N, C-alpha and C. Protein backbone atom coordinates (compact mmCIF):
# COMPACT_ATOMS: atom_id res chain seq x y z
N MET A 1 149.40 13.29 42.71
CA MET A 1 148.45 12.20 42.46
C MET A 1 148.64 11.62 41.06
N GLU A 2 148.80 12.52 40.09
CA GLU A 2 149.00 12.10 38.72
C GLU A 2 150.31 11.35 38.57
N GLU A 3 151.35 11.85 39.27
CA GLU A 3 152.66 11.20 39.19
C GLU A 3 152.60 9.78 39.77
N THR A 4 151.87 9.62 40.87
CA THR A 4 151.72 8.31 41.49
C THR A 4 151.01 7.34 40.55
N LYS A 5 149.97 7.85 39.86
CA LYS A 5 149.23 7.02 38.92
C LYS A 5 150.12 6.59 37.77
N ASN A 6 150.94 7.53 37.28
CA ASN A 6 151.85 7.21 36.17
C ASN A 6 152.88 6.16 36.58
N LEU A 7 153.40 6.29 37.81
CA LEU A 7 154.38 5.33 38.29
C LEU A 7 153.76 3.95 38.49
N GLU A 8 152.50 3.93 38.89
CA GLU A 8 151.81 2.66 39.10
C GLU A 8 151.57 1.94 37.77
N GLU A 9 151.35 2.72 36.72
CA GLU A 9 151.08 2.14 35.41
C GLU A 9 152.37 1.74 34.69
N LEU A 10 153.48 2.42 35.03
CA LEU A 10 154.76 2.13 34.39
C LEU A 10 155.35 0.85 34.95
N GLU A 11 155.76 -0.05 34.09
CA GLU A 11 156.38 -1.30 34.53
C GLU A 11 157.85 -1.33 34.16
N ILE A 12 158.67 -1.87 35.07
CA ILE A 12 160.10 -1.99 34.80
C ILE A 12 160.51 -3.45 35.02
N GLU A 13 161.50 -3.89 34.27
CA GLU A 13 161.93 -5.29 34.39
C GLU A 13 162.74 -5.50 35.65
N ARG A 14 162.37 -6.54 36.39
CA ARG A 14 163.09 -6.89 37.61
C ARG A 14 163.86 -8.19 37.45
N PHE A 15 163.27 -9.16 36.75
CA PHE A 15 163.92 -10.45 36.56
C PHE A 15 163.81 -10.89 35.10
N SER A 16 164.91 -11.42 34.57
CA SER A 16 164.92 -11.93 33.20
C SER A 16 164.20 -13.27 33.15
N ARG A 17 163.97 -13.78 31.94
CA ARG A 17 163.34 -15.09 31.80
C ARG A 17 164.20 -16.17 32.43
N PHE A 18 165.51 -16.07 32.25
CA PHE A 18 166.42 -17.04 32.84
C PHE A 18 166.28 -17.03 34.36
N ASP A 19 166.26 -15.86 34.95
CA ASP A 19 166.11 -15.74 36.40
C ASP A 19 164.85 -16.43 36.88
N ARG A 20 163.75 -16.20 36.17
CA ARG A 20 162.46 -16.75 36.59
C ARG A 20 162.41 -18.26 36.43
N VAL A 21 162.94 -18.77 35.33
CA VAL A 21 162.94 -20.22 35.11
C VAL A 21 163.74 -20.92 36.20
N VAL A 22 164.93 -20.41 36.49
CA VAL A 22 165.78 -21.02 37.52
C VAL A 22 165.10 -20.93 38.88
N HIS A 23 164.53 -19.77 39.18
CA HIS A 23 163.85 -19.57 40.47
C HIS A 23 162.73 -20.58 40.65
N TRP A 24 161.90 -20.79 39.62
CA TRP A 24 160.76 -21.69 39.76
C TRP A 24 161.19 -23.15 39.77
N VAL A 25 162.26 -23.48 39.08
CA VAL A 25 162.79 -24.86 39.16
C VAL A 25 163.23 -25.14 40.59
N VAL A 26 163.95 -24.19 41.18
CA VAL A 26 164.41 -24.34 42.56
C VAL A 26 163.22 -24.39 43.51
N ALA A 27 162.25 -23.51 43.32
CA ALA A 27 161.09 -23.46 44.22
C ALA A 27 160.26 -24.74 44.16
N ILE A 28 159.97 -25.20 42.94
CA ILE A 28 159.14 -26.39 42.79
C ILE A 28 159.83 -27.64 43.33
N THR A 29 161.11 -27.80 43.01
CA THR A 29 161.83 -28.97 43.53
C THR A 29 161.95 -28.91 45.05
N PHE A 30 162.13 -27.70 45.59
CA PHE A 30 162.24 -27.60 47.05
C PHE A 30 160.94 -27.96 47.73
N ILE A 31 159.81 -27.54 47.14
CA ILE A 31 158.51 -27.89 47.72
C ILE A 31 158.35 -29.41 47.76
N TYR A 32 158.73 -30.08 46.65
CA TYR A 32 158.63 -31.55 46.63
C TYR A 32 159.57 -32.15 47.68
N LEU A 33 160.78 -31.63 47.76
CA LEU A 33 161.75 -32.13 48.73
C LEU A 33 161.25 -31.89 50.16
N PHE A 34 160.67 -30.74 50.38
CA PHE A 34 160.15 -30.37 51.70
C PHE A 34 159.06 -31.35 52.14
N LEU A 35 158.09 -31.58 51.27
CA LEU A 35 156.97 -32.44 51.61
C LEU A 35 157.36 -33.91 51.69
N SER A 36 158.14 -34.37 50.70
CA SER A 36 158.56 -35.78 50.73
C SER A 36 159.51 -36.03 51.89
N GLY A 37 160.34 -35.03 52.20
CA GLY A 37 161.26 -35.15 53.33
C GLY A 37 160.50 -35.31 54.64
N LEU A 38 159.42 -34.54 54.79
CA LEU A 38 158.60 -34.68 56.00
C LEU A 38 158.01 -36.09 56.10
N GLY A 39 157.50 -36.60 54.96
CA GLY A 39 156.90 -37.92 54.94
C GLY A 39 157.89 -39.02 55.23
N ILE A 40 159.11 -38.87 54.73
CA ILE A 40 160.15 -39.88 54.96
C ILE A 40 160.67 -39.80 56.39
N TYR A 41 160.77 -38.58 56.93
CA TYR A 41 161.36 -38.36 58.24
C TYR A 41 160.48 -38.83 59.39
N SER A 42 159.18 -38.52 59.29
CA SER A 42 158.30 -38.79 60.43
C SER A 42 157.04 -39.56 60.02
N PRO A 43 156.68 -40.60 60.79
CA PRO A 43 155.44 -41.35 60.52
C PRO A 43 154.20 -40.45 60.57
N LYS A 44 154.30 -39.35 61.34
CA LYS A 44 153.16 -38.43 61.45
C LYS A 44 152.81 -37.78 60.12
N PHE A 45 153.81 -37.70 59.23
CA PHE A 45 153.59 -37.08 57.94
C PHE A 45 153.63 -38.09 56.79
N ALA A 46 153.54 -39.36 57.15
CA ALA A 46 153.60 -40.42 56.12
C ALA A 46 152.44 -40.32 55.14
N TRP A 47 151.34 -39.67 55.56
CA TRP A 47 150.18 -39.51 54.68
C TRP A 47 150.51 -38.66 53.45
N LEU A 48 151.61 -37.92 53.51
CA LEU A 48 152.01 -37.10 52.36
C LEU A 48 152.55 -37.94 51.22
N LEU A 49 153.16 -39.06 51.54
CA LEU A 49 153.84 -39.87 50.53
C LEU A 49 152.90 -40.41 49.45
N PRO A 50 151.71 -40.93 49.79
CA PRO A 50 150.81 -41.38 48.72
C PRO A 50 150.42 -40.25 47.78
N VAL A 51 150.31 -39.03 48.33
CA VAL A 51 149.97 -37.86 47.51
C VAL A 51 151.10 -37.52 46.55
N LEU A 52 152.33 -37.86 46.94
CA LEU A 52 153.51 -37.51 46.14
C LEU A 52 153.97 -38.65 45.24
N GLY A 53 153.08 -39.60 44.99
CA GLY A 53 153.41 -40.69 44.07
C GLY A 53 153.56 -42.04 44.73
N GLY A 54 153.40 -42.08 46.04
CA GLY A 54 153.56 -43.33 46.76
C GLY A 54 154.87 -43.37 47.52
N PRO A 55 154.92 -44.11 48.62
CA PRO A 55 156.13 -44.16 49.46
C PRO A 55 157.41 -44.53 48.71
N ASP A 56 157.35 -45.60 47.92
CA ASP A 56 158.56 -46.04 47.20
C ASP A 56 158.99 -45.03 46.15
N PHE A 57 158.01 -44.50 45.42
CA PHE A 57 158.32 -43.52 44.38
C PHE A 57 158.90 -42.25 44.99
N ALA A 58 158.29 -41.78 46.09
CA ALA A 58 158.76 -40.55 46.74
C ALA A 58 160.19 -40.72 47.26
N ARG A 59 160.47 -41.89 47.83
CA ARG A 59 161.82 -42.14 48.33
C ARG A 59 162.83 -42.23 47.19
N TRP A 60 162.38 -42.73 46.04
CA TRP A 60 163.26 -42.81 44.87
C TRP A 60 163.49 -41.42 44.26
N LEU A 61 162.41 -40.64 44.15
CA LEU A 61 162.51 -39.33 43.49
C LEU A 61 163.19 -38.28 44.36
N HIS A 62 163.09 -38.41 45.67
CA HIS A 62 163.63 -37.39 46.58
C HIS A 62 165.09 -37.04 46.27
N PRO A 63 166.00 -38.01 46.19
CA PRO A 63 167.40 -37.64 45.91
C PRO A 63 167.61 -37.08 44.50
N TRP A 64 166.83 -37.56 43.53
CA TRP A 64 166.97 -37.03 42.18
C TRP A 64 166.46 -35.58 42.10
N ALA A 65 165.37 -35.32 42.81
CA ALA A 65 164.87 -33.94 42.89
C ALA A 65 165.90 -33.07 43.59
N GLY A 66 166.61 -33.66 44.55
CA GLY A 66 167.66 -32.93 45.25
C GLY A 66 168.78 -32.51 44.31
N LEU A 67 169.11 -33.37 43.36
CA LEU A 67 170.15 -33.03 42.39
C LEU A 67 169.71 -31.88 41.48
N VAL A 68 168.45 -31.94 41.03
CA VAL A 68 167.92 -30.85 40.19
C VAL A 68 167.91 -29.54 40.99
N PHE A 69 167.49 -29.62 42.25
CA PHE A 69 167.50 -28.46 43.14
C PHE A 69 168.91 -27.90 43.26
N SER A 70 169.89 -28.76 43.42
CA SER A 70 171.28 -28.32 43.60
C SER A 70 171.81 -27.62 42.35
N VAL A 71 171.49 -28.15 41.18
CA VAL A 71 171.92 -27.51 39.93
C VAL A 71 171.29 -26.12 39.81
N GLY A 72 169.99 -26.04 40.15
CA GLY A 72 169.30 -24.75 40.11
C GLY A 72 169.93 -23.74 41.05
N VAL A 73 170.23 -24.18 42.26
CA VAL A 73 170.84 -23.27 43.24
C VAL A 73 172.24 -22.85 42.79
N LEU A 74 172.97 -23.76 42.16
CA LEU A 74 174.30 -23.41 41.63
C LEU A 74 174.18 -22.29 40.59
N LEU A 75 173.20 -22.41 39.71
CA LEU A 75 172.98 -21.37 38.70
C LEU A 75 172.59 -20.05 39.36
N MET A 76 171.77 -20.12 40.39
CA MET A 76 171.39 -18.91 41.13
C MET A 76 172.62 -18.28 41.78
N PHE A 77 173.47 -19.12 42.36
CA PHE A 77 174.68 -18.62 43.02
C PHE A 77 175.58 -17.90 42.01
N LEU A 78 175.78 -18.51 40.86
CA LEU A 78 176.64 -17.91 39.84
C LEU A 78 176.06 -16.58 39.34
N LYS A 79 174.73 -16.48 39.31
CA LYS A 79 174.09 -15.27 38.78
C LYS A 79 173.93 -14.19 39.84
N TRP A 80 173.61 -14.56 41.08
CA TRP A 80 173.20 -13.57 42.08
C TRP A 80 174.11 -13.39 43.28
N SER A 81 175.13 -14.21 43.44
CA SER A 81 175.94 -14.12 44.66
C SER A 81 176.55 -12.74 44.86
N LYS A 82 176.98 -12.09 43.78
CA LYS A 82 177.57 -10.75 43.91
C LYS A 82 176.55 -9.74 44.40
N ASP A 83 175.30 -9.92 43.98
CA ASP A 83 174.23 -9.02 44.41
C ASP A 83 173.86 -9.23 45.87
N PHE A 84 174.25 -10.39 46.43
CA PHE A 84 173.87 -10.72 47.80
C PHE A 84 174.97 -10.40 48.82
N LEU A 85 176.03 -9.74 48.38
CA LEU A 85 177.07 -9.34 49.33
C LEU A 85 176.52 -8.30 50.28
N LEU A 86 176.73 -8.50 51.58
CA LEU A 86 176.20 -7.60 52.59
C LEU A 86 177.06 -6.36 52.76
N THR A 87 176.41 -5.20 52.92
CA THR A 87 177.10 -3.93 53.10
C THR A 87 176.81 -3.39 54.50
N SER A 88 177.41 -2.25 54.82
CA SER A 88 177.15 -1.62 56.13
C SER A 88 175.69 -1.21 56.24
N ASP A 89 175.09 -0.79 55.13
CA ASP A 89 173.66 -0.44 55.15
C ASP A 89 172.81 -1.67 55.46
N ASP A 90 173.23 -2.83 54.95
CA ASP A 90 172.50 -4.06 55.22
C ASP A 90 172.57 -4.43 56.70
N THR A 91 173.74 -4.20 57.30
CA THR A 91 173.89 -4.48 58.73
C THR A 91 172.95 -3.59 59.55
N ALA A 92 172.89 -2.31 59.17
CA ALA A 92 171.99 -1.37 59.86
C ALA A 92 170.53 -1.77 59.63
N TRP A 93 170.23 -2.25 58.44
CA TRP A 93 168.87 -2.69 58.11
C TRP A 93 168.46 -3.86 59.00
N LEU A 94 169.36 -4.82 59.16
CA LEU A 94 169.06 -6.00 59.96
C LEU A 94 168.89 -5.64 61.44
N LYS A 95 169.68 -4.69 61.92
CA LYS A 95 169.59 -4.28 63.31
C LYS A 95 168.25 -3.59 63.61
N ASN A 96 167.67 -3.02 62.58
CA ASN A 96 166.41 -2.30 62.74
C ASN A 96 165.28 -2.93 61.95
N VAL A 97 165.34 -4.24 61.78
CA VAL A 97 164.37 -4.96 60.97
C VAL A 97 162.94 -4.80 61.48
N LYS A 98 162.79 -4.42 62.76
CA LYS A 98 161.45 -4.23 63.32
C LYS A 98 160.65 -3.20 62.53
N HIS A 99 161.34 -2.22 61.96
CA HIS A 99 160.64 -1.20 61.16
C HIS A 99 160.11 -1.80 59.87
N TYR A 100 160.84 -2.74 59.31
CA TYR A 100 160.39 -3.41 58.09
C TYR A 100 159.14 -4.24 58.38
N ILE A 101 159.17 -4.93 59.53
CA ILE A 101 158.03 -5.75 59.93
C ILE A 101 156.79 -4.88 60.15
N LYS A 102 157.01 -3.67 60.67
CA LYS A 102 155.89 -2.75 60.93
C LYS A 102 155.46 -1.98 59.68
N GLY A 103 156.18 -2.18 58.56
CA GLY A 103 155.84 -1.46 57.35
C GLY A 103 156.38 -0.04 57.33
N GLU A 104 157.42 0.22 58.15
CA GLU A 104 158.00 1.56 58.24
C GLU A 104 159.35 1.59 57.52
N GLU A 105 159.34 1.26 56.24
CA GLU A 105 160.58 1.14 55.48
C GLU A 105 161.32 2.45 55.33
N GLU A 106 160.61 3.56 55.48
CA GLU A 106 161.26 4.87 55.37
C GLU A 106 162.24 5.12 56.51
N LYS A 107 162.16 4.35 57.58
CA LYS A 107 163.06 4.49 58.72
C LYS A 107 164.32 3.64 58.58
N LEU A 108 164.41 2.90 57.47
CA LEU A 108 165.55 2.02 57.23
C LEU A 108 166.45 2.58 56.13
N PRO A 109 167.71 2.14 56.08
CA PRO A 109 168.59 2.57 54.98
C PRO A 109 167.95 2.20 53.65
N GLU A 110 168.17 3.03 52.63
CA GLU A 110 167.59 2.76 51.32
C GLU A 110 168.09 1.43 50.77
N VAL A 111 167.18 0.73 50.13
CA VAL A 111 167.47 -0.63 49.64
C VAL A 111 167.73 -0.62 48.15
N GLY A 112 168.71 -1.47 47.74
CA GLY A 112 168.98 -1.65 46.32
C GLY A 112 168.05 -2.70 45.75
N LYS A 113 168.53 -3.52 44.84
CA LYS A 113 167.65 -4.53 44.22
C LYS A 113 167.15 -5.54 45.24
N TYR A 114 167.96 -5.85 46.26
CA TYR A 114 167.56 -6.80 47.28
C TYR A 114 167.79 -6.20 48.66
N ASN A 115 166.84 -6.42 49.57
CA ASN A 115 167.07 -5.94 50.93
C ASN A 115 167.91 -6.96 51.69
N ALA A 116 168.32 -6.60 52.90
CA ALA A 116 169.22 -7.45 53.66
C ALA A 116 168.59 -8.80 54.00
N GLY A 117 167.28 -8.80 54.25
CA GLY A 117 166.60 -10.05 54.55
C GLY A 117 166.65 -11.01 53.38
N GLN A 118 166.46 -10.49 52.18
CA GLN A 118 166.53 -11.33 50.98
C GLN A 118 167.94 -11.86 50.76
N LYS A 119 168.92 -11.03 51.06
CA LYS A 119 170.31 -11.45 50.91
C LYS A 119 170.66 -12.58 51.89
N VAL A 120 170.23 -12.41 53.13
CA VAL A 120 170.51 -13.43 54.14
C VAL A 120 169.84 -14.75 53.75
N PHE A 121 168.61 -14.66 53.26
CA PHE A 121 167.92 -15.88 52.83
C PHE A 121 168.65 -16.51 51.65
N GLY A 122 169.15 -15.69 50.75
CA GLY A 122 169.90 -16.20 49.61
C GLY A 122 171.11 -17.01 50.06
N TRP A 123 171.87 -16.47 51.01
CA TRP A 123 173.04 -17.19 51.51
C TRP A 123 172.63 -18.43 52.29
N LEU A 124 171.49 -18.36 52.98
CA LEU A 124 170.99 -19.53 53.70
C LEU A 124 170.70 -20.66 52.71
N VAL A 125 170.12 -20.31 51.57
CA VAL A 125 169.82 -21.32 50.55
C VAL A 125 171.11 -21.86 49.95
N PHE A 126 172.07 -20.98 49.64
CA PHE A 126 173.33 -21.43 49.04
C PHE A 126 174.06 -22.40 49.96
N VAL A 127 174.23 -22.01 51.22
CA VAL A 127 174.95 -22.86 52.18
C VAL A 127 174.14 -24.11 52.49
N GLY A 128 172.82 -23.93 52.67
CA GLY A 128 171.95 -25.06 52.96
C GLY A 128 171.99 -26.10 51.85
N CYS A 129 172.02 -25.63 50.61
CA CYS A 129 172.07 -26.54 49.47
C CYS A 129 173.36 -27.37 49.49
N LEU A 130 174.46 -26.74 49.85
CA LEU A 130 175.73 -27.45 49.93
C LEU A 130 175.66 -28.55 50.98
N VAL A 131 175.04 -28.22 52.13
CA VAL A 131 174.88 -29.21 53.20
C VAL A 131 173.95 -30.33 52.73
N PHE A 132 172.84 -29.95 52.08
CA PHE A 132 171.91 -30.96 51.55
C PHE A 132 172.61 -31.92 50.59
N LEU A 133 173.40 -31.35 49.68
CA LEU A 133 174.05 -32.15 48.65
C LEU A 133 175.05 -33.14 49.24
N ILE A 134 175.92 -32.64 50.10
CA ILE A 134 176.96 -33.51 50.68
C ILE A 134 176.34 -34.59 51.57
N THR A 135 175.48 -34.17 52.49
CA THR A 135 174.88 -35.14 53.41
C THR A 135 173.92 -36.07 52.66
N GLY A 136 173.25 -35.53 51.64
CA GLY A 136 172.32 -36.34 50.87
C GLY A 136 173.02 -37.47 50.14
N ILE A 137 174.18 -37.19 49.58
CA ILE A 137 174.95 -38.23 48.89
C ILE A 137 175.39 -39.31 49.88
N LEU A 138 175.83 -38.88 51.07
CA LEU A 138 176.24 -39.83 52.10
C LEU A 138 175.07 -40.72 52.53
N MET A 139 173.88 -40.12 52.60
CA MET A 139 172.70 -40.88 53.01
C MET A 139 172.17 -41.75 51.86
N TRP A 140 172.43 -41.33 50.63
CA TRP A 140 171.95 -42.05 49.44
C TRP A 140 172.72 -43.37 49.26
N PHE A 141 174.01 -43.30 49.61
CA PHE A 141 174.87 -44.48 49.47
C PHE A 141 175.54 -44.80 50.81
N PRO A 142 174.75 -45.14 51.82
CA PRO A 142 175.29 -45.33 53.18
C PRO A 142 176.32 -46.45 53.27
N GLY A 143 176.21 -47.46 52.39
CA GLY A 143 177.14 -48.58 52.46
C GLY A 143 178.55 -48.23 52.06
N ASN A 144 178.73 -47.07 51.44
CA ASN A 144 180.06 -46.66 50.97
C ASN A 144 180.80 -45.78 51.97
N PHE A 145 180.16 -45.48 53.10
CA PHE A 145 180.78 -44.58 54.08
C PHE A 145 180.64 -45.15 55.49
N PRO A 146 181.53 -44.70 56.40
CA PRO A 146 181.44 -45.15 57.80
C PRO A 146 180.07 -44.81 58.38
N ILE A 147 179.53 -45.69 59.22
CA ILE A 147 178.21 -45.52 59.80
C ILE A 147 178.11 -44.22 60.62
N THR A 148 179.21 -43.87 61.32
CA THR A 148 179.21 -42.64 62.12
C THR A 148 179.02 -41.42 61.23
N LEU A 149 179.70 -41.42 60.09
CA LEU A 149 179.60 -40.30 59.15
C LEU A 149 178.17 -40.19 58.60
N THR A 150 177.56 -41.33 58.34
CA THR A 150 176.19 -41.34 57.84
C THR A 150 175.23 -40.79 58.89
N ARG A 151 175.43 -41.16 60.13
CA ARG A 151 174.56 -40.67 61.21
C ARG A 151 174.70 -39.17 61.41
N VAL A 152 175.92 -38.69 61.34
CA VAL A 152 176.15 -37.24 61.45
C VAL A 152 175.47 -36.52 60.28
N SER A 153 175.53 -37.13 59.12
CA SER A 153 174.91 -36.55 57.92
C SER A 153 173.40 -36.41 58.09
N ILE A 154 172.78 -37.41 58.71
CA ILE A 154 171.34 -37.35 58.93
C ILE A 154 170.98 -36.16 59.81
N VAL A 155 171.75 -35.95 60.87
CA VAL A 155 171.50 -34.83 61.79
C VAL A 155 171.68 -33.49 61.07
N LEU A 156 172.78 -33.35 60.32
CA LEU A 156 173.04 -32.11 59.61
C LEU A 156 171.99 -31.86 58.52
N HIS A 157 171.57 -32.91 57.86
CA HIS A 157 170.54 -32.81 56.82
C HIS A 157 169.24 -32.28 57.42
N ASP A 158 168.88 -32.81 58.58
CA ASP A 158 167.65 -32.39 59.25
C ASP A 158 167.74 -30.95 59.74
N LEU A 159 168.90 -30.56 60.27
CA LEU A 159 169.08 -29.18 60.73
C LEU A 159 168.97 -28.19 59.57
N ALA A 160 169.60 -28.54 58.46
CA ALA A 160 169.53 -27.68 57.28
C ALA A 160 168.09 -27.59 56.78
N PHE A 161 167.38 -28.71 56.85
CA PHE A 161 165.97 -28.73 56.44
C PHE A 161 165.14 -27.77 57.29
N ILE A 162 165.36 -27.77 58.59
CA ILE A 162 164.60 -26.90 59.50
C ILE A 162 164.89 -25.43 59.20
N LEU A 163 166.18 -25.09 59.05
CA LEU A 163 166.56 -23.70 58.84
C LEU A 163 166.10 -23.18 57.48
N VAL A 164 166.42 -23.94 56.42
CA VAL A 164 166.03 -23.50 55.08
C VAL A 164 164.51 -23.54 54.92
N GLY A 165 163.88 -24.54 55.51
CA GLY A 165 162.42 -24.64 55.44
C GLY A 165 161.74 -23.46 56.10
N ALA A 166 162.24 -23.06 57.27
CA ALA A 166 161.67 -21.90 57.96
C ALA A 166 161.88 -20.63 57.13
N GLY A 167 163.08 -20.49 56.57
CA GLY A 167 163.36 -19.33 55.73
C GLY A 167 162.49 -19.31 54.50
N PHE A 168 162.23 -20.48 53.94
CA PHE A 168 161.38 -20.59 52.74
C PHE A 168 159.95 -20.14 53.03
N ILE A 169 159.43 -20.54 54.18
CA ILE A 169 158.07 -20.14 54.57
C ILE A 169 157.98 -18.61 54.70
N VAL A 170 158.97 -18.02 55.35
CA VAL A 170 159.00 -16.56 55.50
C VAL A 170 159.12 -15.90 54.12
N HIS A 171 159.96 -16.47 53.27
CA HIS A 171 160.17 -15.94 51.92
C HIS A 171 158.86 -15.94 51.12
N VAL A 172 158.12 -17.03 51.20
CA VAL A 172 156.84 -17.13 50.48
C VAL A 172 155.85 -16.10 51.02
N TYR A 173 155.81 -15.98 52.34
CA TYR A 173 154.89 -15.01 52.95
C TYR A 173 155.21 -13.58 52.52
N MET A 174 156.49 -13.21 52.60
CA MET A 174 156.88 -11.84 52.26
C MET A 174 156.69 -11.57 50.76
N GLY A 175 156.84 -12.61 49.95
CA GLY A 175 156.70 -12.43 48.50
C GLY A 175 155.26 -12.40 48.03
N THR A 176 154.33 -12.66 48.94
CA THR A 176 152.91 -12.67 48.57
C THR A 176 152.11 -11.69 49.45
N VAL A 177 151.82 -12.11 50.66
CA VAL A 177 151.01 -11.31 51.57
C VAL A 177 151.79 -10.15 52.18
N GLY A 178 153.03 -10.43 52.59
CA GLY A 178 153.82 -9.42 53.30
C GLY A 178 154.10 -8.17 52.49
N VAL A 179 154.50 -8.36 51.23
CA VAL A 179 154.81 -7.21 50.36
C VAL A 179 154.04 -7.42 49.05
N PRO A 180 152.78 -7.00 49.00
CA PRO A 180 151.97 -7.17 47.79
C PRO A 180 152.65 -6.56 46.56
N GLY A 181 152.58 -7.26 45.45
CA GLY A 181 153.20 -6.79 44.22
C GLY A 181 154.52 -7.45 43.92
N SER A 182 155.09 -8.13 44.94
CA SER A 182 156.39 -8.78 44.75
C SER A 182 156.30 -9.97 43.80
N LEU A 183 155.23 -10.74 43.92
CA LEU A 183 155.11 -11.98 43.16
C LEU A 183 155.10 -11.75 41.65
N SER A 184 154.55 -10.63 41.22
CA SER A 184 154.48 -10.36 39.78
C SER A 184 155.86 -10.31 39.15
N GLY A 185 156.87 -9.91 39.93
CA GLY A 185 158.23 -9.85 39.42
C GLY A 185 158.75 -11.22 39.03
N MET A 186 158.32 -12.27 39.76
CA MET A 186 158.76 -13.62 39.46
C MET A 186 157.82 -14.36 38.51
N ILE A 187 156.71 -13.73 38.16
CA ILE A 187 155.78 -14.34 37.21
C ILE A 187 155.95 -13.71 35.83
N THR A 188 155.85 -12.39 35.77
CA THR A 188 155.97 -11.69 34.49
C THR A 188 157.36 -11.13 34.26
N GLY A 189 158.14 -11.02 35.34
CA GLY A 189 159.47 -10.42 35.23
C GLY A 189 159.46 -8.93 35.47
N LYS A 190 158.25 -8.36 35.60
CA LYS A 190 158.15 -6.91 35.75
C LYS A 190 157.39 -6.52 37.02
N VAL A 191 157.70 -5.33 37.52
CA VAL A 191 156.99 -4.75 38.67
C VAL A 191 156.65 -3.32 38.32
N SER A 192 155.70 -2.75 39.05
CA SER A 192 155.36 -1.35 38.80
C SER A 192 156.48 -0.45 39.32
N ALA A 193 156.65 0.67 38.67
CA ALA A 193 157.68 1.62 39.09
C ALA A 193 157.38 2.14 40.49
N LEU A 194 156.10 2.25 40.81
CA LEU A 194 155.72 2.73 42.14
C LEU A 194 156.15 1.73 43.21
N TRP A 195 155.95 0.43 42.94
CA TRP A 195 156.38 -0.61 43.88
C TRP A 195 157.89 -0.54 44.07
N ALA A 196 158.62 -0.40 42.99
CA ALA A 196 160.09 -0.34 43.06
C ALA A 196 160.54 0.88 43.85
N MET A 197 159.90 2.02 43.63
CA MET A 197 160.28 3.24 44.32
C MET A 197 160.04 3.13 45.83
N ARG A 198 158.97 2.46 46.21
CA ARG A 198 158.63 2.34 47.62
C ARG A 198 159.48 1.31 48.36
N HIS A 199 159.75 0.18 47.70
CA HIS A 199 160.43 -0.92 48.40
C HIS A 199 161.91 -1.07 48.07
N HIS A 200 162.33 -0.58 46.91
CA HIS A 200 163.73 -0.69 46.51
C HIS A 200 164.16 0.62 45.84
N PRO A 201 164.12 1.73 46.59
CA PRO A 201 164.37 3.06 46.00
C PRO A 201 165.72 3.23 45.33
N LYS A 202 166.77 2.67 45.92
CA LYS A 202 168.10 2.81 45.33
C LYS A 202 168.17 2.12 43.96
N TRP A 203 167.60 0.93 43.89
CA TRP A 203 167.55 0.19 42.63
C TRP A 203 166.66 0.91 41.63
N PHE A 204 165.55 1.47 42.10
CA PHE A 204 164.62 2.21 41.23
C PHE A 204 165.33 3.36 40.53
N ARG A 205 166.13 4.12 41.27
CA ARG A 205 166.83 5.25 40.69
C ARG A 205 167.87 4.77 39.66
N GLU A 206 168.53 3.65 39.97
CA GLU A 206 169.52 3.11 39.03
C GLU A 206 168.85 2.71 37.71
N VAL A 207 167.69 2.09 37.80
CA VAL A 207 166.97 1.65 36.61
C VAL A 207 166.50 2.84 35.80
N MET A 208 165.99 3.86 36.47
CA MET A 208 165.43 5.01 35.77
C MET A 208 166.52 5.86 35.11
N ARG A 209 167.77 5.72 35.59
CA ARG A 209 168.88 6.49 34.99
C ARG A 209 169.39 5.84 33.71
N ARG A 210 169.03 4.59 33.46
CA ARG A 210 169.55 3.87 32.29
C ARG A 210 168.94 4.41 31.01
């Protein structure tokens, strides 16, 4: 009991200031892109545009926000891509993800700094960003490209939006309600040692050995 209390009070660094700044730049720009994209895409969500600065402003800012988002994701890729490489343990984790959903993490392979779900989402964002950037440029300057290419770009842009958007919603849920204590890592940069031991035991041992 005493050991558990001590671990709960002990804090360890999970994310540096650079990590957190880049993460929030990407998150905030994506939220704007997500909402403005819905308003631009469908008349049913056009009511969002006045909230985001007005229809004309939102349509003007959307591609510029996309560029900021892309730079942020590039920085994330350069910093974290090596950490997101999938291992055999990650494959086993994904095959038995039902235990994670049920809160039975002890039945899964031990997790390092990131679990397999976080890694998959990371790659989804990296690849999705590339699709957003390429198709977004084609859609931004449609007069400079063949009409067929522009139309294909619209379809691919929308598909990437659906996939990354769905992943983003799951990511937000797991980082708040799904796994309590996760959000503090992206706000203060630190998490309790008890949280780390329970959810990322392999990483916890590595940190404690330093």
